[in-house]
Amino acid sequence: VQLQASGGGLVQPGGSLRLSCVASGRIFSINDMGWYRQAPGKQRELVADISRGGSTNYGDFAKGRFTISRDNAKNTIYLQMSSLKPDDTAVYYCHADATWDYWGQGTQVTVSS
């Protein structure tokens, strides 16, 4: 399984971004997919994940501001982020739960004025 993430960038506080992650390869083996993030000096943490059937799970900081969605036909998940804060600055990683764990290359999100 290969994961290609995109959509990161620089945004002002209060702004929005949408991340995308396309899966390829042995996609039939993928169950849950999701997003994690890691800020400098901090551990990687769950942002949100979504099952093949659409059940979602969010980190507490993401509830009410971020929305994860999944298009199984396109083998793609999305993370719509709004009301972004400087604390959301991190590298965001796409994750797939298949026979093993798979990770994308990460996309930088910087929230700054």
Protein backbone atom coordinates (compact mmCIF):
# COMPACT_ATOMS: atom_id res chain seq x y z
CA VAL A 1 0.00 0.00 0.00
CA GLN A 2 1.27 3.44 -0.94
CA LEU A 3 -0.19 6.65 0.46
CA GLN A 4 0.20 10.04 -1.19
CA ALA A 5 -0.81 13.01 0.93
CA SER A 6 -1.30 16.56 -0.28
CA GLY A 7 -2.92 19.85 0.66
CA GLY A 8 -0.72 21.23 3.40
CA GLY A 9 0.56 24.76 3.46
CA LEU A 10 0.64 28.06 5.30
CA VAL A 11 -2.64 29.47 6.60
CA GLN A 12 -3.57 32.29 8.94
CA PRO A 13 -5.20 31.60 12.29
CA GLY A 14 -8.91 31.03 11.82
CA GLY A 15 -8.40 29.81 8.28
CA SER A 16 -9.15 26.47 6.63
CA LEU A 17 -7.27 23.78 4.74
CA ARG A 18 -8.21 20.48 3.19
CA LEU A 19 -5.82 17.57 3.15
CA SER A 20 -6.15 14.64 0.76
CA CYS A 21 -4.59 11.18 0.82
CA VAL A 22 -4.79 8.76 -2.08
CA ALA A 23 -4.09 5.08 -1.51
CA SER A 24 -2.73 2.75 -4.16
CA GLY A 25 -1.46 -0.80 -4.31
CA ARG A 26 -3.20 -3.51 -2.26
CA ILE A 27 -6.13 -1.26 -1.44
CA PHE A 28 -8.49 -4.18 -0.90
CA SER A 29 -6.59 -4.95 2.30
CA ILE A 30 -7.19 -1.50 3.81
CA ASN A 31 -9.59 -1.19 6.73
CA ASP A 32 -9.38 2.06 8.65
CA MET A 33 -7.62 5.13 7.28
CA GLY A 34 -6.80 8.29 9.09
CA TRP A 35 -4.63 11.27 9.86
CA TYR A 36 -2.04 11.71 12.56
CA ARG A 37 0.10 14.73 13.27
CA GLN A 38 3.42 15.43 14.90
CA ALA A 39 4.61 18.81 16.06
CA PRO A 40 8.29 19.51 16.84
CA GLY A 41 9.25 17.97 20.17
CA LYS A 42 5.92 16.20 20.57
CA GLN A 43 4.67 12.68 20.04
CA ARG A 44 2.62 11.72 17.02
CA GLU A 45 -1.08 11.93 17.84
CA LEU A 46 -4.32 10.86 16.23
CA VAL A 47 -6.23 13.60 14.44
CA ALA A 48 -9.04 11.49 13.05
CA ASP A 49 -9.70 8.13 11.49
CA ILE A 50 -12.49 6.58 9.47
CA SER A 51 -13.52 3.01 8.82
CA ARG A 52 -14.38 1.56 5.44
CA GLY A 53 -18.03 1.89 6.46
CA GLY A 54 -17.67 5.54 7.45
CA SER A 55 -17.44 5.37 11.23
CA THR A 56 -15.23 8.17 12.52
CA ASN A 57 -13.08 8.85 15.53
CA TYR A 58 -11.48 12.21 16.43
CA GLY A 59 -8.84 13.49 18.75
CA ASP A 60 -10.36 15.81 21.34
CA PHE A 61 -8.67 18.86 19.81
CA ALA A 62 -10.21 18.08 16.42
CA LYS A 63 -13.82 17.68 17.47
CA GLY A 64 -16.01 20.42 16.06
CA ARG A 65 -13.26 21.87 13.86
CA PHE A 66 -12.03 19.02 11.65
CA THR A 67 -14.01 16.63 9.50
CA ILE A 68 -12.67 13.42 8.00
CA SER A 69 -14.34 11.83 5.01
CA ARG A 70 -13.65 8.93 2.71
CA ASP A 71 -14.37 8.17 -0.93
CA ASN A 72 -13.88 4.43 -1.35
CA ALA A 73 -14.38 4.65 -5.11
CA LYS A 74 -11.38 7.01 -5.35
CA ASN A 75 -9.38 5.29 -2.58
CA THR A 76 -9.07 8.70 -0.99
CA ILE A 77 -9.61 10.26 2.40
CA TYR A 78 -9.93 13.94 3.16
CA LEU A 79 -9.43 16.05 6.22
CA GLN A 80 -11.27 19.35 6.20
CA MET A 81 -9.75 21.61 8.84
CA SER A 82 -11.34 24.87 9.91
CA SER A 83 -10.83 27.44 12.67
CA LEU A 84 -7.15 26.58 12.57
CA LYS A 85 -4.92 27.64 15.44
CA PRO A 86 -1.15 28.05 15.73
CA ASP A 87 -1.16 24.89 17.90
CA ASP A 88 -2.34 22.95 14.85
CA THR A 89 1.04 23.53 13.23
CA ALA A 90 2.55 20.10 12.58
CA VAL A 91 3.41 17.55 9.96
CA TYR A 92 0.25 15.65 9.12
CA TYR A 93 0.60 11.99 8.17
CA CYS A 94 -1.86 9.79 6.37
CA HIS A 95 -2.23 6.30 7.84
CA ALA A 96 -3.79 3.09 6.59
CA ASP A 97 -4.57 0.03 8.67
CA ALA A 98 -4.12 -2.96 6.40
CA THR A 99 -2.26 -6.19 7.05
CA TRP A 100 0.38 -3.86 8.45
CA ASP A 101 0.41 -0.16 9.26
CA TYR A 102 1.23 2.10 6.35
CA TRP A 103 2.20 5.77 6.47
CA GLY A 104 2.31 8.52 3.90
CA GLN A 105 5.20 10.93 3.54
CA GLY A 106 3.64 13.72 5.62
CA THR A 107 2.48 17.16 4.65
CA GLN A 108 3.40 20.31 6.57
CA VAL A 109 0.62 22.49 7.96
CA THR A 110 1.70 25.84 9.36
CA VAL A 111 -0.77 28.16 11.04
CA SER A 112 0.72 31.59 11.47
CA SER A 113 -0.03 35.22 10.87
